[in-house]
Amino acid sequence: MTLFSVLDRSPVRRDRGPAQALRDTVAFAARVERLGYHRFWVSEHHGVPGVAGSAPTVLAAAVASATSRIRVGTGGVMLPNHRPLVVAEQFGVLEALHPGRIDMGLGRSVGFTGGVRSALGHGKEDADDFGAQVRELLGFFTGGYAYPGVHAYPAEGLRVPPFLLATGSGADLAAELGLPLVIAPVRGERALAEAVTRYRNGFRPSGWAREPYVVVSAAIAVADSAADARRLLVSEAWATVYSRSHGVFPPLDPPADILAAPMSDRERRRLEETLDGQISGTPAEVADRLGRLVAVTGADEILATTAAYDQSARLDSFAALAELTGKREPIS
């Protein structure tokens, strides 16, 4: 049976500020847990006015403390921005405090702009060493020392499940290292299916995973009408479109304000294309789309990445998704 999980990037909503966004994430995690979802992950972004989640392990600690059953992790820590020893220590602390509930999702992205990369002290070239960085990090857990005599306490000997966030060729690294793969249809479902097939065919069993494991991430919105579901996705879709032309991901605006504002033909086309690439509709329509996505990819797990300006409507959408996927725990 396909599992369903949630990624929350802590989006900032217009006039509410980043502190409120972080508090919203922690509160949302507790509601998601009651809905029966499998995991709740947070992300890492630096210097982005529309995203408050800049320190994922710190935020994961807050989420884990506010919940009791759901798995908590990162989607992900961008490893080129950090030293593997420090990342191992951070996840070791999380696992020691919340045993059996922590996931370690790892990505290879560096800062979004040149200024952010300079502030982090890492350039685009650092992503080229991602494979070596992952190996070094995992070695701190298993005792495969890259630096003789250096131990990552309390990580050493603990088993924090690692997941590799990847697109395209990144799937090959996950297969080579024998790690679970997290992937999104950013280049379309055909390219996604090809990458997943390549991952499964090249997978080498490891001490972390004996078999391939595929998590497909997607924005998903469920509502009583297709129009209402699509409208729920407008705020983040527009922020994505805006970031491509302005180089900055802004705070989320209400959908009505976005749709009423002047927009160039190119921007409107990009907005519609972005929305078309996401999954939205009535429960029956979303169930059909998800069924086709799982059939194409053989996904073991779906990671819903939905953000919205209206937190109440967003929660209703996740409750409806839980209902149609067989999770019927009431919100209290």
C-alpha atoms as a PDB file:
ATOM      1  CA  MET A   1       0.000   0.000   0.000  1.00  0.00           C
ATOM      2  CA  THR A   2       1.328   3.437  -0.924  1.00  0.00           C
ATOM      3  CA  LEU A   3       2.165   5.592   2.087  1.00  0.00           C
ATOM      4  CA  PHE A   4       1.341   9.303   2.228  1.00  0.00           C
ATOM      5  CA  SER A   5       3.515  11.948   3.864  1.00  0.00           C
ATOM      6  CA  VAL A   6       3.831  15.740   4.042  1.00  0.00           C
ATOM      7  CA  LEU A   7       6.568  18.272   3.289  1.00  0.00           C
ATOM      8  CA  ASP A   8       6.117  21.768   4.741  1.00  0.00           C
ATOM      9  CA  ARG A   9       8.536  24.466   3.546  1.00  0.00           C
ATOM     10  CA  SER A  10       7.280  26.995   6.134  1.00  0.00           C
ATOM     11  CA  PRO A  11       5.997  29.465   3.525  1.00  0.00           C
ATOM     12  CA  VAL A  12       5.647  33.049   4.680  1.00  0.00           C
ATOM     13  CA  ARG A  13       2.201  34.527   4.101  1.00  0.00           C
ATOM     14  CA  ARG A  14       1.844  38.197   3.230  1.00  0.00           C
ATOM     15  CA  ASP A  15       1.736  40.421   6.350  1.00  0.00           C
ATOM     16  CA  ARG A  16       2.243  37.485   8.736  1.00  0.00           C
ATOM     17  CA  GLY A  17       6.029  37.217   8.859  1.00  0.00           C
ATOM     18  CA  PRO A  18       8.528  34.354   9.147  1.00  0.00           C
ATOM     19  CA  ALA A  19       8.081  33.789  12.900  1.00  0.00           C
ATOM     20  CA  GLN A  20       4.390  33.041  12.371  1.00  0.00           C
ATOM     21  CA  ALA A  21       5.263  30.776   9.428  1.00  0.00           C
ATOM     22  CA  LEU A  22       7.461  28.652  11.683  1.00  0.00           C
ATOM     23  CA  ARG A  23       4.812  28.453  14.381  1.00  0.00           C
ATOM     24  CA  ASP A  24       2.286  27.492  11.694  1.00  0.00           C
ATOM     25  CA  THR A  25       4.562  24.632  10.586  1.00  0.00           C
ATOM     26  CA  VAL A  26       4.803  23.175  14.081  1.00  0.00           C
ATOM     27  CA  ALA A  27       1.049  23.467  14.632  1.00  0.00           C
ATOM     28  CA  PHE A  28       0.327  21.999  11.213  1.00  0.00           C
ATOM     29  CA  ALA A  29       2.533  18.991  11.969  1.00  0.00           C
ATOM     30  CA  ALA A  30       0.411  18.150  15.007  1.00  0.00           C
ATOM     31  CA  ARG A  31      -2.756  18.295  12.884  1.00  0.00           C
ATOM     32  CA  VAL A  32      -1.192  16.184  10.152  1.00  0.00           C
ATOM     33  CA  GLU A  33      -0.187  13.562  12.701  1.00  0.00           C
ATOM     34  CA  ARG A  34      -3.809  13.258  13.843  1.00  0.00           C
ATOM     35  CA  LEU A  35      -4.820  12.703  10.218  1.00  0.00           C
ATOM     36  CA  GLY A  36      -2.637   9.597  10.083  1.00  0.00           C
ATOM     37  CA  TYR A  37       0.125  10.673   7.695  1.00  0.00           C
ATOM     38  CA  HIS A  38       3.386   8.701   7.758  1.00  0.00           C
ATOM     39  CA  ARG A  39       6.057  11.434   7.801  1.00  0.00           C
ATOM     40  CA  PHE A  40       6.335  15.183   8.242  1.00  0.00           C
ATOM     41  CA  TRP A  41       9.390  16.815   6.691  1.00  0.00           C
ATOM     42  CA  VAL A  42      10.753  20.354   6.654  1.00  0.00           C
ATOM     43  CA  SER A  43      13.137  21.973   4.178  1.00  0.00           C
ATOM     44  CA  GLU A  44      16.198  24.226   3.912  1.00  0.00           C
ATOM     45  CA  HIS A  45      16.190  27.579   2.100  1.00  0.00           C
ATOM     46  CA  HIS A  46      18.507  30.541   2.680  1.00  0.00           C
ATOM     47  CA  GLY A  47      17.872  34.216   1.982  1.00  0.00           C
ATOM     48  CA  VAL A  48      14.371  33.570   0.615  1.00  0.00           C
ATOM     49  CA  PRO A  49      11.756  36.118   1.789  1.00  0.00           C
ATOM     50  CA  GLY A  50       8.888  33.728   1.082  1.00  0.00           C
ATOM     51  CA  VAL A  51      10.295  30.746   3.021  1.00  0.00           C
ATOM     52  CA  ALA A  52      11.070  30.791   6.745  1.00  0.00           C
ATOM     53  CA  GLY A  53      12.548  27.286   6.944  1.00  0.00           C
ATOM     54  CA  SER A  54      16.281  28.021   6.923  1.00  0.00           C
ATOM     55  CA  ALA A  55      17.424  25.624   9.686  1.00  0.00           C
ATOM     56  CA  PRO A  56      15.729  22.261   9.074  1.00  0.00           C
ATOM     57  CA  THR A  57      17.270  20.275  11.921  1.00  0.00           C
ATOM     58  CA  VAL A  58      16.294  22.974  14.416  1.00  0.00           C
ATOM     59  CA  LEU A  59      12.750  23.067  13.042  1.00  0.00           C
ATOM     60  CA  ALA A  60      12.573  19.269  12.961  1.00  0.00           C
ATOM     61  CA  ALA A  61      13.413  19.245  16.671  1.00  0.00           C
ATOM     62  CA  ALA A  62      10.471  21.558  17.368  1.00  0.00           C
ATOM     63  CA  VAL A  63       8.157  19.420  15.237  1.00  0.00           C
ATOM     64  CA  ALA A  64       9.275  16.193  16.894  1.00  0.00           C
ATOM     65  CA  SER A  65       8.673  17.726  20.323  1.00  0.00           C
ATOM     66  CA  ALA A  66       5.143  18.795  19.321  1.00  0.00           C
ATOM     67  CA  THR A  67       4.220  15.326  18.001  1.00  0.00           C
ATOM     68  CA  SER A  68       4.466  11.790  19.337  1.00  0.00           C
ATOM     69  CA  ARG A  69       4.029   9.211  16.548  1.00  0.00           C
ATOM     70  CA  ILE A  70       4.648  10.638  13.089  1.00  0.00           C
ATOM     71  CA  ARG A  71       8.136  10.308  11.602  1.00  0.00           C
ATOM     72  CA  VAL A  72       9.933  13.662  11.390  1.00  0.00           C
ATOM     73  CA  GLY A  73      12.734  14.655   9.066  1.00  0.00           C
ATOM     74  CA  THR A  74      14.166  16.904   6.418  1.00  0.00           C
ATOM     75  CA  GLY A  75      13.386  17.255   2.769  1.00  0.00           C
ATOM     76  CA  GLY A  76      16.117  18.070   2.899  1.00  0.00           C
ATOM     77  CA  VAL A  77      19.331  19.279   4.418  1.00  0.00           C
ATOM     78  CA  MET A  78      21.386  20.675   1.534  1.00  0.00           C
ATOM     79  CA  LEU A  79      24.625  18.851   2.238  1.00  0.00           C
ATOM     80  CA  PRO A  80      26.966  21.021   0.104  1.00  0.00           C
ATOM     81  CA  ASN A  81      26.186  23.898   2.503  1.00  0.00           C
ATOM     82  CA  HIS A  82      27.504  21.995   5.551  1.00  0.00           C
ATOM     83  CA  ARG A  83      30.300  19.809   6.839  1.00  0.00           C
ATOM     84  CA  PRO A  84      29.173  16.157   7.036  1.00  0.00           C
ATOM     85  CA  LEU A  85      30.444  15.852  10.630  1.00  0.00           C
ATOM     86  CA  VAL A  86      28.130  18.630  11.811  1.00  0.00           C
ATOM     87  CA  VAL A  87      25.144  17.173   9.938  1.00  0.00           C
ATOM     88  CA  ALA A  88      25.808  13.742  11.469  1.00  0.00           C
ATOM     89  CA  GLU A  89      25.994  15.253  14.941  1.00  0.00           C
ATOM     90  CA  GLN A  90      22.745  17.153  14.446  1.00  0.00           C
ATOM     91  CA  PHE A  91      20.832  14.084  13.308  1.00  0.00           C
ATOM     92  CA  GLY A  92      22.463  12.039  16.027  1.00  0.00           C
ATOM     93  CA  VAL A  93      21.069  14.465  18.604  1.00  0.00           C
ATOM     94  CA  LEU A  94      17.614  14.325  16.998  1.00  0.00           C
ATOM     95  CA  GLU A  95      17.608  10.530  16.941  1.00  0.00           C
ATOM     96  CA  ALA A  96      18.862  10.326  20.526  1.00  0.00           C
ATOM     97  CA  LEU A  97      16.040  12.598  21.675  1.00  0.00           C
ATOM     98  CA  HIS A  98      13.333  11.012  19.499  1.00  0.00           C
ATOM     99  CA  PRO A  99      14.459   7.416  18.862  1.00  0.00           C
ATOM    100  CA  GLY A 100      12.944   5.645  15.891  1.00  0.00           C
ATOM    101  CA  ARG A 101      11.180   8.725  14.514  1.00  0.00           C
ATOM    102  CA  ILE A 102      13.861  10.701  12.637  1.00  0.00           C
ATOM    103  CA  ASP A 103      14.546  10.712   8.864  1.00  0.00           C
ATOM    104  CA  MET A 104      17.573  12.295   7.181  1.00  0.00           C
ATOM    105  CA  GLY A 105      16.622  13.647   3.764  1.00  0.00           C
ATOM    106  CA  LEU A 106      19.646  15.031   1.884  1.00  0.00           C
ATOM    107  CA  GLY A 107      19.835  17.324  -1.145  1.00  0.00           C
ATOM    108  CA  ARG A 108      22.648  18.706  -3.289  1.00  0.00           C
ATOM    109  CA  SER A 109      21.446  22.272  -3.915  1.00  0.00           C
ATOM    110  CA  VAL A 110      23.491  25.298  -2.955  1.00  0.00           C
ATOM    111  CA  GLY A 111      22.313  28.877  -2.410  1.00  0.00           C
ATOM    112  CA  PHE A 112      19.686  30.286  -4.774  1.00  0.00           C
ATOM    113  CA  THR A 113      21.705  33.423  -5.653  1.00  0.00           C
ATOM    114  CA  GLY A 114      25.369  34.347  -5.881  1.00  0.00           C
ATOM    115  CA  GLY A 115      25.057  36.535  -2.796  1.00  0.00           C
ATOM    116  CA  VAL A 116      23.579  33.728  -0.713  1.00  0.00           C
ATOM    117  CA  ARG A 117      26.266  31.312  -1.921  1.00  0.00           C
ATOM    118  CA  SER A 118      28.965  33.791  -0.926  1.00  0.00           C
ATOM    119  CA  ALA A 119      27.393  34.231   2.503  1.00  0.00           C
ATOM    120  CA  LEU A 120      27.302  30.449   2.951  1.00  0.00           C
ATOM    121  CA  GLY A 121      30.890  30.148   1.787  1.00  0.00           C
ATOM    122  CA  HIS A 122      30.005  27.590  -0.901  1.00  0.00           C
ATOM    123  CA  GLY A 123      29.803  27.874  -4.682  1.00  0.00           C
ATOM    124  CA  LYS A 124      27.982  25.854  -7.294  1.00  0.00           C
ATOM    125  CA  GLU A 125      31.048  23.638  -7.685  1.00  0.00           C
ATOM    126  CA  ASP A 126      30.539  22.269  -4.175  1.00  0.00           C
ATOM    127  CA  ALA A 127      27.506  20.355  -5.425  1.00  0.00           C
ATOM    128  CA  ASP A 128      29.843  18.356  -7.690  1.00  0.00           C
ATOM    129  CA  ASP A 129      31.231  16.564  -4.610  1.00  0.00           C
ATOM    130  CA  PHE A 130      27.781  15.533  -3.344  1.00  0.00           C
ATOM    131  CA  GLY A 131      28.472  11.811  -3.661  1.00  0.00           C
ATOM    132  CA  ALA A 132      31.636  12.041  -1.582  1.00  0.00           C
ATOM    133  CA  GLN A 133      29.862  14.214   0.990  1.00  0.00           C
ATOM    134  CA  VAL A 134      27.060  11.661   1.375  1.00  0.00           C
ATOM    135  CA  ARG A 135      29.559   8.820   1.793  1.00  0.00           C
ATOM    136  CA  GLU A 136      31.456  10.778   4.430  1.00  0.00           C
ATOM    137  CA  LEU A 137      28.245  11.595   6.288  1.00  0.00           C
ATOM    138  CA  LEU A 138      27.034   8.001   6.332  1.00  0.00           C
ATOM    139  CA  GLY A 139      30.461   6.885   7.509  1.00  0.00           C
ATOM    140  CA  PHE A 140      30.058   8.909  10.686  1.00  0.00           C
ATOM    141  CA  PHE A 141      27.043   6.734  11.542  1.00  0.00           C
ATOM    142  CA  THR A 142      28.602   3.398  10.609  1.00  0.00           C
ATOM    143  CA  GLY A 143      32.139   3.969  11.860  1.00  0.00           C
ATOM    144  CA  GLY A 144      33.702   4.253   8.401  1.00  0.00           C
ATOM    145  CA  TYR A 145      36.111   6.989   9.382  1.00  0.00           C
ATOM    146  CA  ALA A 146      37.119   9.627   6.870  1.00  0.00           C
ATOM    147  CA  TYR A 147      39.200  11.222   9.631  1.00  0.00           C
ATOM    148  CA  PRO A 148      40.936   8.667  11.902  1.00  0.00           C
ATOM    149  CA  GLY A 149      40.080   9.223  15.528  1.00  0.00           C
ATOM    150  CA  VAL A 150      37.153  11.561  14.791  1.00  0.00           C
ATOM    151  CA  HIS A 151      33.769  10.330  16.019  1.00  0.00           C
ATOM    152  CA  ALA A 152      30.362  11.942  15.456  1.00  0.00           C
ATOM    153  CA  TYR A 153      28.781  11.619  18.890  1.00  0.00           C
ATOM    154  CA  PRO A 154      25.980  10.711  19.461  1.00  0.00           C
ATOM    155  CA  ALA A 155      25.423   9.672  15.825  1.00  0.00           C
ATOM    156  CA  GLU A 156      27.913   6.821  15.691  1.00  0.00           C
ATOM    157  CA  GLY A 157      26.093   3.497  15.877  1.00  0.00           C
ATOM    158  CA  LEU A 158      22.627   5.030  15.390  1.00  0.00           C
ATOM    159  CA  ARG A 159      20.516   4.211  12.327  1.00  0.00           C
ATOM    160  CA  VAL A 160      18.863   7.352  10.998  1.00  0.00           C
ATOM    161  CA  PRO A 161      17.285   6.437   7.631  1.00  0.00           C
ATOM    162  CA  PRO A 162      18.876   8.515   4.836  1.00  0.00           C
ATOM    163  CA  PHE A 163      16.893   9.595   1.772  1.00  0.00           C
ATOM    164  CA  LEU A 164      18.421  11.168  -1.327  1.00  0.00           C
ATOM    165  CA  LEU A 165      16.547  14.063  -2.953  1.00  0.00           C
ATOM    166  CA  ALA A 166      17.295  13.881  -6.637  1.00  0.00           C
ATOM    167  CA  THR A 167      16.285  14.764 -10.158  1.00  0.00           C
ATOM    168  CA  GLY A 168      17.649  13.122 -13.278  1.00  0.00           C
ATOM    169  CA  SER A 169      21.180  11.845 -12.728  1.00  0.00           C
ATOM    170  CA  GLY A 170      20.808  12.144  -8.961  1.00  0.00           C
ATOM    171  CA  ALA A 171      18.716   8.995  -9.118  1.00  0.00           C
ATOM    172  CA  ASP A 172      21.836   7.150 -10.280  1.00  0.00           C
ATOM    173  CA  LEU A 173      23.712   8.170  -7.132  1.00  0.00           C
ATOM    174  CA  ALA A 174      20.846   6.938  -4.931  1.00  0.00           C
ATOM    175  CA  ALA A 175      20.976   3.610  -6.772  1.00  0.00           C
ATOM    176  CA  GLU A 176      24.767   3.351  -6.454  1.00  0.00           C
ATOM    177  CA  LEU A 177      24.704   4.060  -2.710  1.00  0.00           C
ATOM    178  CA  GLY A 178      21.651   1.880  -2.071  1.00  0.00           C
ATOM    179  CA  LEU A 179      19.531   4.697  -0.638  1.00  0.00           C
ATOM    180  CA  PRO A 180      15.816   5.509  -0.846  1.00  0.00           C
ATOM    181  CA  LEU A 181      15.039   8.056  -3.564  1.00  0.00           C
ATOM    182  CA  VAL A 182      12.867  11.168  -3.295  1.00  0.00           C
ATOM    183  CA  ILE A 183      11.986  12.618  -6.685  1.00  0.00           C
ATOM    184  CA  ALA A 184       9.483  15.052  -8.226  1.00  0.00           C
ATOM    185  CA  PRO A 185       8.035  15.254 -11.752  1.00  0.00           C
ATOM    186  CA  VAL A 186       9.767  18.577 -12.434  1.00  0.00           C
ATOM    187  CA  ARG A 187      10.511  17.537 -16.027  1.00  0.00           C
ATOM    188  CA  GLY A 188       7.217  15.744 -16.566  1.00  0.00           C
ATOM    189  CA  GLU A 189       5.957  12.279 -15.740  1.00  0.00           C
ATOM    190  CA  ARG A 190       7.794  10.611 -18.607  1.00  0.00           C
ATOM    191  CA  ALA A 191      11.196  11.851 -17.432  1.00  0.00           C
ATOM    192  CA  LEU A 192      10.216  10.943 -13.885  1.00  0.00           C
ATOM    193  CA  ALA A 193       9.325   7.388 -14.878  1.00  0.00           C
ATOM    194  CA  GLU A 194      12.613   7.017 -16.783  1.00  0.00           C
ATOM    195  CA  ALA A 195      14.658   8.195 -13.790  1.00  0.00           C
ATOM    196  CA  VAL A 196      12.802   5.850 -11.438  1.00  0.00           C
ATOM    197  CA  THR A 197      13.316   2.906 -13.799  1.00  0.00           C
ATOM    198  CA  ARG A 198      17.025   3.700 -14.028  1.00  0.00           C
ATOM    199  CA  TYR A 199      17.198   3.884 -10.234  1.00  0.00           C
ATOM    200  CA  ARG A 200      15.508   0.538  -9.753  1.00  0.00           C
ATOM    201  CA  ASN A 201      17.598  -1.188 -12.418  1.00  0.00           C
ATOM    202  CA  GLY A 202      20.861   0.142 -10.997  1.00  0.00           C
ATOM    203  CA  PHE A 203      20.039  -0.226  -7.314  1.00  0.00           C
ATOM    204  CA  ARG A 204      22.708  -1.872  -5.162  1.00  0.00           C
ATOM    205  CA  PRO A 205      21.468  -3.211  -1.800  1.00  0.00           C
ATOM    206  CA  SER A 206      23.187  -1.567   1.132  1.00  0.00           C
ATOM    207  CA  GLY A 207      23.146  -1.536   4.900  1.00  0.00           C
ATOM    208  CA  TRP A 208      20.619   1.298   4.633  1.00  0.00           C
ATOM    209  CA  ALA A 209      18.143  -0.291   2.210  1.00  0.00           C
ATOM    210  CA  ARG A 210      17.921  -3.836   0.892  1.00  0.00           C
ATOM    211  CA  GLU A 211      15.518  -2.877  -1.918  1.00  0.00           C
ATOM    212  CA  PRO A 212      14.748   0.247  -3.957  1.00  0.00           C
ATOM    213  CA  TYR A 213      12.351   2.656  -2.296  1.00  0.00           C
ATOM    214  CA  VAL A 214      10.766   5.530  -4.224  1.00  0.00           C
ATOM    215  CA  VAL A 215       9.100   8.603  -2.736  1.00  0.00           C
ATOM    216  CA  VAL A 216       7.401  10.837  -5.326  1.00  0.00           C
ATOM    217  CA  SER A 217       6.743  14.410  -4.233  1.00  0.00           C
ATOM    218  CA  ALA A 218       3.939  16.510  -5.678  1.00  0.00           C
ATOM    219  CA  ALA A 219       1.683  19.430  -4.847  1.00  0.00           C
ATOM    220  CA  ILE A 220      -1.802  18.012  -4.236  1.00  0.00           C
ATOM    221  CA  ALA A 221      -5.039  19.889  -3.533  1.00  0.00           C
ATOM    222  CA  VAL A 222      -8.449  18.345  -2.886  1.00  0.00           C
ATOM    223  CA  ALA A 223     -11.704  20.304  -2.630  1.00  0.00           C
ATOM    224  CA  ASP A 224     -15.417  19.946  -3.326  1.00  0.00           C
ATOM    225  CA  SER A 225     -14.913  21.446  -6.782  1.00  0.00           C
ATOM    226  CA  ALA A 226     -12.019  21.331  -9.245  1.00  0.00           C
ATOM    227  CA  ALA A 227     -11.998  25.145  -9.383  1.00  0.00           C
ATOM    228  CA  ASP A 228     -11.645  25.472  -5.602  1.00  0.00           C
ATOM    229  CA  ALA A 229      -8.837  22.905  -5.530  1.00  0.00           C
ATOM    230  CA  ARG A 230      -6.931  24.631  -8.331  1.00  0.00           C
ATOM    231  CA  ARG A 231      -7.391  28.014  -6.635  1.00  0.00           C
ATOM    232  CA  LEU A 232      -5.781  26.605  -3.485  1.00  0.00           C
ATOM    233  CA  LEU A 233      -2.548  26.073  -5.424  1.00  0.00           C
ATOM    234  CA  VAL A 234      -2.473  29.528  -7.053  1.00  0.00           C
ATOM    235  CA  SER A 235      -0.502  31.323  -4.309  1.00  0.00           C
ATOM    236  CA  GLU A 236       2.543  29.058  -4.371  1.00  0.00           C
ATOM    237  CA  ALA A 237       2.354  28.536  -8.135  1.00  0.00           C
ATOM    238  CA  TRP A 238       2.463  32.305  -8.672  1.00  0.00           C
ATOM    239  CA  ALA A 239       5.372  32.696  -6.222  1.00  0.00           C
ATOM    240  CA  THR A 240       7.234  30.071  -8.261  1.00  0.00           C
ATOM    241  CA  VAL A 241       6.512  31.883 -11.529  1.00  0.00           C
ATOM    242  CA  TYR A 242       7.540  35.205 -10.001  1.00  0.00           C
ATOM    243  CA  SER A 243      10.820  33.733  -8.752  1.00  0.00           C
ATOM    244  CA  ARG A 244      11.778  32.622 -12.255  1.00  0.00           C
ATOM    245  CA  SER A 245      11.548  36.135 -13.668  1.00  0.00           C
ATOM    246  CA  HIS A 246      12.596  38.171 -10.609  1.00  0.00           C
ATOM    247  CA  GLY A 247      15.096  35.874  -8.886  1.00  0.00           C
ATOM    248  CA  VAL A 248      13.285  35.892  -5.554  1.00  0.00           C
ATOM    249  CA  PHE A 249      10.524  33.694  -4.115  1.00  0.00           C
ATOM    250  CA  PRO A 250       8.069  36.112  -2.446  1.00  0.00           C
ATOM    251  CA  PRO A 251       5.640  35.620   0.450  1.00  0.00           C
ATOM    252  CA  LEU A 252       2.331  34.032  -0.520  1.00  0.00           C
ATOM    253  CA  ASP A 253      -0.514  36.354  -1.535  1.00  0.00           C
ATOM    254  CA  PRO A 254      -4.239  35.488  -1.464  1.00  0.00           C
ATOM    255  CA  PRO A 255      -5.332  33.767  -4.705  1.00  0.00           C
ATOM    256  CA  ALA A 256      -7.996  36.371  -5.399  1.00  0.00           C
ATOM    257  CA  ASP A 257      -5.418  39.185  -5.283  1.00  0.00           C
ATOM    258  CA  ILE A 258      -3.089  37.303  -7.641  1.00  0.00           C
ATOM    259  CA  LEU A 259      -5.777  36.491 -10.195  1.00  0.00           C
ATOM    260  CA  ALA A 260      -7.084  40.084 -10.146  1.00  0.00           C
ATOM    261  CA  ALA A 261      -3.637  41.661 -10.594  1.00  0.00           C
ATOM    262  CA  PRO A 262      -2.226  42.621 -14.004  1.00  0.00           C
ATOM    263  CA  MET A 263      -0.100  39.839 -15.488  1.00  0.00           C
ATOM    264  CA  SER A 264       1.824  39.560 -18.747  1.00  0.00           C
ATOM    265  CA  ASP A 265       0.809  36.912 -21.249  1.00  0.00           C
ATOM    266  CA  ARG A 266       4.049  35.070 -20.530  1.00  0.00           C
ATOM    267  CA  GLU A 267       3.441  35.119 -16.778  1.00  0.00           C
ATOM    268  CA  ARG A 268      -0.148  33.947 -17.185  1.00  0.00           C
ATOM    269  CA  ARG A 269       0.979  31.126 -19.460  1.00  0.00           C
ATOM    270  CA  ARG A 270       3.651  30.053 -16.972  1.00  0.00           C
ATOM    271  CA  LEU A 271       1.149  30.170 -14.117  1.00  0.00           C
ATOM    272  CA  GLU A 272      -1.273  27.933 -16.005  1.00  0.00           C
ATOM    273  CA  GLU A 273       1.531  25.537 -16.957  1.00  0.00           C
ATOM    274  CA  THR A 274       2.666  25.323 -13.336  1.00  0.00           C
ATOM    275  CA  LEU A 275      -0.881  24.623 -12.140  1.00  0.00           C
ATOM    276  CA  ASP A 276      -1.403  22.047 -14.892  1.00  0.00           C
ATOM    277  CA  GLY A 277       1.662  20.161 -13.655  1.00  0.00           C
ATOM    278  CA  GLN A 278       0.206  19.805 -10.165  1.00  0.00           C
ATOM    279  CA  ILE A 279      -2.526  17.485  -8.894  1.00  0.00           C
ATOM    280  CA  SER A 280      -5.831  19.117  -7.982  1.00  0.00           C
ATOM    281  CA  GLY A 281      -9.527  18.405  -8.190  1.00  0.00           C
ATOM    282  CA  THR A 282     -12.400  16.708  -6.454  1.00  0.00           C
ATOM    283  CA  PRO A 283     -11.651  13.597  -4.381  1.00  0.00           C
ATOM    284  CA  ALA A 284     -12.532  11.349  -7.323  1.00  0.00           C
ATOM    285  CA  GLU A 285     -10.364  13.353  -9.737  1.00  0.00           C
ATOM    286  CA  VAL A 286      -7.382  13.401  -7.384  1.00  0.00           C
ATOM    287  CA  ALA A 287      -7.733   9.686  -6.665  1.00  0.00           C
ATOM    288  CA  ASP A 288      -7.591   9.030 -10.415  1.00  0.00           C
ATOM    289  CA  ARG A 289      -4.511  11.246 -10.905  1.00  0.00           C
ATOM    290  CA  LEU A 290      -2.715   9.670  -7.963  1.00  0.00           C
ATOM    291  CA  GLY A 291      -3.585   6.195  -9.195  1.00  0.00           C
ATOM    292  CA  ARG A 292      -2.025   6.971 -12.559  1.00  0.00           C
ATOM    293  CA  LEU A 293       1.064   8.515 -10.943  1.00  0.00           C
ATOM    294  CA  VAL A 294       1.623   5.447  -8.763  1.00  0.00           C
ATOM    295  CA  ALA A 295       1.030   3.165 -11.750  1.00  0.00           C
ATOM    296  CA  VAL A 296       3.617   5.028 -13.836  1.00  0.00           C
ATOM    297  CA  THR A 297       6.281   5.254 -11.123  1.00  0.00           C
ATOM    298  CA  GLY A 298       5.517   2.353  -8.802  1.00  0.00           C
ATOM    299  CA  ALA A 299       5.881   4.878  -5.971  1.00  0.00           C
ATOM    300  CA  ASP A 300       6.159   3.363  -2.519  1.00  0.00           C
ATOM    301  CA  GLU A 301       5.234   6.696  -0.982  1.00  0.00           C
ATOM    302  CA  ILE A 302       3.719  10.046  -1.999  1.00  0.00           C
ATOM    303  CA  LEU A 303       5.107  13.205  -0.380  1.00  0.00           C
ATOM    304  CA  ALA A 304       2.501  15.977  -0.594  1.00  0.00           C
ATOM    305  CA  THR A 305       4.206  19.376  -0.791  1.00  0.00           C
ATOM    306  CA  THR A 306       1.119  21.590  -0.905  1.00  0.00           C
ATOM    307  CA  ALA A 307       1.399  25.151   0.358  1.00  0.00           C
ATOM    308  CA  ALA A 308      -1.467  27.637   0.356  1.00  0.00           C
ATOM    309  CA  TYR A 309      -2.270  31.109   1.611  1.00  0.00           C
ATOM    310  CA  ASP A 310      -5.370  29.899   3.453  1.00  0.00           C
ATOM    311  CA  GLN A 311      -4.202  27.542   6.199  1.00  0.00           C
ATOM    312  CA  SER A 312      -7.732  26.392   7.013  1.00  0.00           C
ATOM    313  CA  ALA A 313      -8.457  25.442   3.401  1.00  0.00           C
ATOM    314  CA  ARG A 314      -5.068  23.740   3.202  1.00  0.00           C
ATOM    315  CA  LEU A 315      -5.861  21.625   6.258  1.00  0.00           C
ATOM    316  CA  ASP A 316      -9.252  20.731   4.769  1.00  0.00           C
ATOM    317  CA  SER A 317      -7.443  19.596   1.623  1.00  0.00           C
ATOM    318  CA  PHE A 318      -5.070  17.354   3.592  1.00  0.00           C
ATOM    319  CA  ALA A 319      -8.009  15.958   5.536  1.00  0.00           C
ATOM    320  CA  ALA A 320      -9.788  15.149   2.261  1.00  0.00           C
ATOM    321  CA  LEU A 321      -6.617  13.543   0.899  1.00  0.00           C
ATOM    322  CA  ALA A 322      -6.339  11.455   4.063  1.00  0.00           C
ATOM    323  CA  GLU A 323      -9.960  10.406   3.639  1.00  0.00           C
ATOM    324  CA  LEU A 324      -9.546   9.232   0.067  1.00  0.00           C
ATOM    325  CA  THR A 325      -6.299   7.387   0.875  1.00  0.00           C
ATOM    326  CA  GLY A 326      -7.924   5.479   3.708  1.00  0.00           C
ATOM    327  CA  LYS A 327      -6.800   7.558   6.686  1.00  0.00           C
ATOM    328  CA  ARG A 328      -9.855   8.691   8.589  1.00  0.00           C
ATOM    329  CA  GLU A 329      -8.662   9.936  11.948  1.00  0.00           C
ATOM    330  CA  PRO A 330     -10.712  13.031  12.857  1.00  0.00           C
ATOM    331  CA  ILE A 331      -9.181  16.450  13.405  1.00  0.00           C
ATOM    332  CA  SER A 332      -9.585  17.470  17.040  1.00  0.00           C
END
